[in-house]
Amino acid sequence: MILLAMVIEGEAADEPYQGKVAVGAVILNRMESKKFPETLSGVVYQGLAFESVMNSQYKRPLTTESIKAAQAAIQGWDPTNGALYFWNPATAKSKWVWSRPVTGQIGRHVFAK
């Protein structure tokens, strides 16, 4: 659970609580998908998967809110409707990511399957 909270903090520190839960849900959704590794560490450390892991921002101090968001995602709250991807539309450069079916936007992140 701590590793999940760490990635939530790294990816969504400035996002609303629902956005933090959504990032956690995406990670858990990936664990359930045959397209991704089936373990939390496998998903988190998959090459180029999360910018905060690549730049070590996920190692910053955890907030209570990120820990609570991880718990909420583990308990089944998925505000993304099953999304496997998220990105910031202001910075995303990949044309491929925009080809994914969008499930919604929370804060500054777009979520997609």
C-alpha atoms as a PDB file:
ATOM      1  CA  MET A   1       0.000   0.000   0.000  1.00  0.00           C
ATOM      2  CA  ILE A   2       2.895   2.355   0.718  1.00  0.00           C
ATOM      3  CA  LEU A   3       4.309   1.916  -2.797  1.00  0.00           C
ATOM      4  CA  LEU A   4       0.885   2.743  -4.247  1.00  0.00           C
ATOM      5  CA  ALA A   5       0.664   5.856  -2.049  1.00  0.00           C
ATOM      6  CA  MET A   6       4.170   6.869  -3.124  1.00  0.00           C
ATOM      7  CA  VAL A   7       3.244   6.801  -6.817  1.00  0.00           C
ATOM      8  CA  ILE A   8      -0.003   8.642  -6.102  1.00  0.00           C
ATOM      9  CA  GLU A   9       2.021  11.343  -4.316  1.00  0.00           C
ATOM     10  CA  GLY A  10       4.535  11.524  -7.148  1.00  0.00           C
ATOM     11  CA  GLU A  11       1.968  11.645  -9.944  1.00  0.00           C
ATOM     12  CA  ALA A  12      -0.885  13.571  -8.328  1.00  0.00           C
ATOM     13  CA  ALA A  13       0.431  15.612  -5.375  1.00  0.00           C
ATOM     14  CA  ASP A  14      -1.287  18.781  -6.593  1.00  0.00           C
ATOM     15  CA  GLU A  15      -4.466  17.076  -7.784  1.00  0.00           C
ATOM     16  CA  PRO A  16      -7.783  16.950  -5.890  1.00  0.00           C
ATOM     17  CA  TYR A  17      -8.410  13.936  -3.640  1.00  0.00           C
ATOM     18  CA  GLN A  18     -10.566  12.237  -6.287  1.00  0.00           C
ATOM     19  CA  GLY A  19      -7.686  12.644  -8.748  1.00  0.00           C
ATOM     20  CA  LYS A  20      -5.317  10.960  -6.313  1.00  0.00           C
ATOM     21  CA  VAL A  21      -7.710   8.024  -5.920  1.00  0.00           C
ATOM     22  CA  ALA A  22      -8.017   7.877  -9.705  1.00  0.00           C
ATOM     23  CA  VAL A  23      -4.252   7.509 -10.163  1.00  0.00           C
ATOM     24  CA  GLY A  24      -4.299   4.679  -7.620  1.00  0.00           C
ATOM     25  CA  ALA A  25      -7.207   3.054  -9.439  1.00  0.00           C
ATOM     26  CA  VAL A  26      -5.327   3.146 -12.754  1.00  0.00           C
ATOM     27  CA  ILE A  27      -2.395   1.331 -11.161  1.00  0.00           C
ATOM     28  CA  LEU A  28      -4.694  -1.306  -9.669  1.00  0.00           C
ATOM     29  CA  ASN A  29      -6.592  -1.632 -12.977  1.00  0.00           C
ATOM     30  CA  ARG A  30      -3.292  -2.336 -14.701  1.00  0.00           C
ATOM     31  CA  MET A  31      -2.608  -5.164 -12.251  1.00  0.00           C
ATOM     32  CA  GLU A  32      -5.913  -6.754 -13.323  1.00  0.00           C
ATOM     33  CA  SER A  33      -5.252  -6.305 -17.056  1.00  0.00           C
ATOM     34  CA  LYS A  34      -3.421  -8.938 -19.102  1.00  0.00           C
ATOM     35  CA  LYS A  35      -1.604  -6.051 -20.848  1.00  0.00           C
ATOM     36  CA  PHE A  36       0.449  -5.236 -17.726  1.00  0.00           C
ATOM     37  CA  PRO A  37       2.385  -7.026 -14.984  1.00  0.00           C
ATOM     38  CA  GLU A  38       0.185  -8.580 -12.299  1.00  0.00           C
ATOM     39  CA  THR A  39       2.048  -7.234  -9.272  1.00  0.00           C
ATOM     40  CA  LEU A  40       2.111  -3.723  -7.847  1.00  0.00           C
ATOM     41  CA  SER A  41       5.883  -3.468  -8.120  1.00  0.00           C
ATOM     42  CA  GLY A  42       5.758  -4.886 -11.651  1.00  0.00           C
ATOM     43  CA  VAL A  43       3.297  -2.178 -12.736  1.00  0.00           C
ATOM     44  CA  VAL A  44       5.068   0.644 -10.878  1.00  0.00           C
ATOM     45  CA  TYR A  45       8.545  -0.217 -12.126  1.00  0.00           C
ATOM     46  CA  GLN A  46       7.585  -1.135 -15.687  1.00  0.00           C
ATOM     47  CA  GLY A  47       9.848   0.853 -17.998  1.00  0.00           C
ATOM     48  CA  LEU A  48       8.581   4.338 -18.871  1.00  0.00           C
ATOM     49  CA  ALA A  49       5.240   3.713 -17.147  1.00  0.00           C
ATOM     50  CA  PHE A  50       5.230   6.553 -14.613  1.00  0.00           C
ATOM     51  CA  GLU A  51       7.094   9.831 -14.900  1.00  0.00           C
ATOM     52  CA  SER A  52       7.364  10.191 -11.126  1.00  0.00           C
ATOM     53  CA  VAL A  53       9.199   6.872 -10.902  1.00  0.00           C
ATOM     54  CA  MET A  54      11.558   7.838 -13.723  1.00  0.00           C
ATOM     55  CA  ASN A  55      12.425  11.196 -12.103  1.00  0.00           C
ATOM     56  CA  SER A  56      12.243   9.912  -8.478  1.00  0.00           C
ATOM     57  CA  GLN A  57       9.425  12.296  -7.478  1.00  0.00           C
ATOM     58  CA  TYR A  58       7.591   9.292  -6.053  1.00  0.00           C
ATOM     59  CA  LYS A  59      10.216   9.191  -3.284  1.00  0.00           C
ATOM     60  CA  ARG A  60       9.155  12.520  -1.791  1.00  0.00           C
ATOM     61  CA  PRO A  61       7.505  12.524   1.647  1.00  0.00           C
ATOM     62  CA  LEU A  62       4.041  11.012   1.718  1.00  0.00           C
ATOM     63  CA  THR A  63       1.003  13.047   2.669  1.00  0.00           C
ATOM     64  CA  THR A  64      -1.909  11.700   4.670  1.00  0.00           C
ATOM     65  CA  GLU A  65      -4.151  12.406   1.692  1.00  0.00           C
ATOM     66  CA  SER A  66      -2.102  10.191  -0.649  1.00  0.00           C
ATOM     67  CA  ILE A  67      -2.167   7.364   1.906  1.00  0.00           C
ATOM     68  CA  LYS A  68      -5.958   7.717   2.259  1.00  0.00           C
ATOM     69  CA  ALA A  69      -6.315   7.806  -1.535  1.00  0.00           C
ATOM     70  CA  ALA A  70      -4.341   4.565  -1.835  1.00  0.00           C
ATOM     71  CA  GLN A  71      -6.603   2.956   0.770  1.00  0.00           C
ATOM     72  CA  ALA A  72      -9.719   4.151  -1.068  1.00  0.00           C
ATOM     73  CA  ALA A  73      -8.462   2.728  -4.367  1.00  0.00           C
ATOM     74  CA  ILE A  74      -7.595  -0.597  -2.713  1.00  0.00           C
ATOM     75  CA  GLN A  75     -11.093  -0.689  -1.217  1.00  0.00           C
ATOM     76  CA  GLY A  76     -12.521  -0.460  -4.739  1.00  0.00           C
ATOM     77  CA  TRP A  77     -13.225   3.206  -5.487  1.00  0.00           C
ATOM     78  CA  ASP A  78     -12.482   3.744  -9.166  1.00  0.00           C
ATOM     79  CA  PRO A  79     -13.503   7.213 -10.352  1.00  0.00           C
ATOM     80  CA  THR A  80     -11.893   6.444 -13.752  1.00  0.00           C
ATOM     81  CA  ASN A  81     -14.441   3.851 -14.916  1.00  0.00           C
ATOM     82  CA  GLY A  82     -11.751   1.226 -15.479  1.00  0.00           C
ATOM     83  CA  ALA A  83      -9.036   3.405 -17.030  1.00  0.00           C
ATOM     84  CA  LEU A  84      -5.576   1.977 -17.707  1.00  0.00           C
ATOM     85  CA  TYR A  85      -3.889   5.264 -18.624  1.00  0.00           C
ATOM     86  CA  PHE A  86      -3.776   8.870 -17.495  1.00  0.00           C
ATOM     87  CA  TRP A  87      -1.943  11.951 -18.695  1.00  0.00           C
ATOM     88  CA  ASN A  88      -1.854  15.699 -18.435  1.00  0.00           C
ATOM     89  CA  PRO A  89      -3.283  17.073 -21.702  1.00  0.00           C
ATOM     90  CA  ALA A  90      -1.193  20.245 -21.343  1.00  0.00           C
ATOM     91  CA  THR A  91       2.044  18.264 -21.546  1.00  0.00           C
ATOM     92  CA  ALA A  92       1.216  14.994 -23.357  1.00  0.00           C
ATOM     93  CA  LYS A  93       3.032  14.714 -26.666  1.00  0.00           C
ATOM     94  CA  SER A  94       2.192  11.131 -27.615  1.00  0.00           C
ATOM     95  CA  LYS A  95      -0.339  10.810 -30.440  1.00  0.00           C
ATOM     96  CA  TRP A  96      -0.874   7.187 -29.389  1.00  0.00           C
ATOM     97  CA  VAL A  97      -2.170   8.122 -25.939  1.00  0.00           C
ATOM     98  CA  TRP A  98      -4.793  10.397 -27.496  1.00  0.00           C
ATOM     99  CA  SER A  99      -6.023   7.419 -29.559  1.00  0.00           C
ATOM    100  CA  ARG A 100      -7.203   5.663 -26.368  1.00  0.00           C
ATOM    101  CA  PRO A 101     -10.917   5.840 -25.464  1.00  0.00           C
ATOM    102  CA  VAL A 102     -11.215   8.604 -22.845  1.00  0.00           C
ATOM    103  CA  THR A 103     -13.239   7.754 -19.735  1.00  0.00           C
ATOM    104  CA  GLY A 104     -13.103  11.209 -18.175  1.00  0.00           C
ATOM    105  CA  GLN A 105     -11.018  14.017 -16.728  1.00  0.00           C
ATOM    106  CA  ILE A 106     -10.306  14.731 -13.069  1.00  0.00           C
ATOM    107  CA  GLY A 107      -8.270  17.780 -12.210  1.00  0.00           C
ATOM    108  CA  ARG A 108      -5.470  18.097 -14.740  1.00  0.00           C
ATOM    109  CA  HIS A 109      -5.447  14.418 -15.738  1.00  0.00           C
ATOM    110  CA  VAL A 110      -7.310  12.734 -18.571  1.00  0.00           C
ATOM    111  CA  PHE A 111      -8.116   9.041 -18.020  1.00  0.00           C
ATOM    112  CA  ALA A 112      -8.537   6.437 -20.749  1.00  0.00           C
ATOM    113  CA  LYS A 113      -8.807   2.717 -21.476  1.00  0.00           C
END
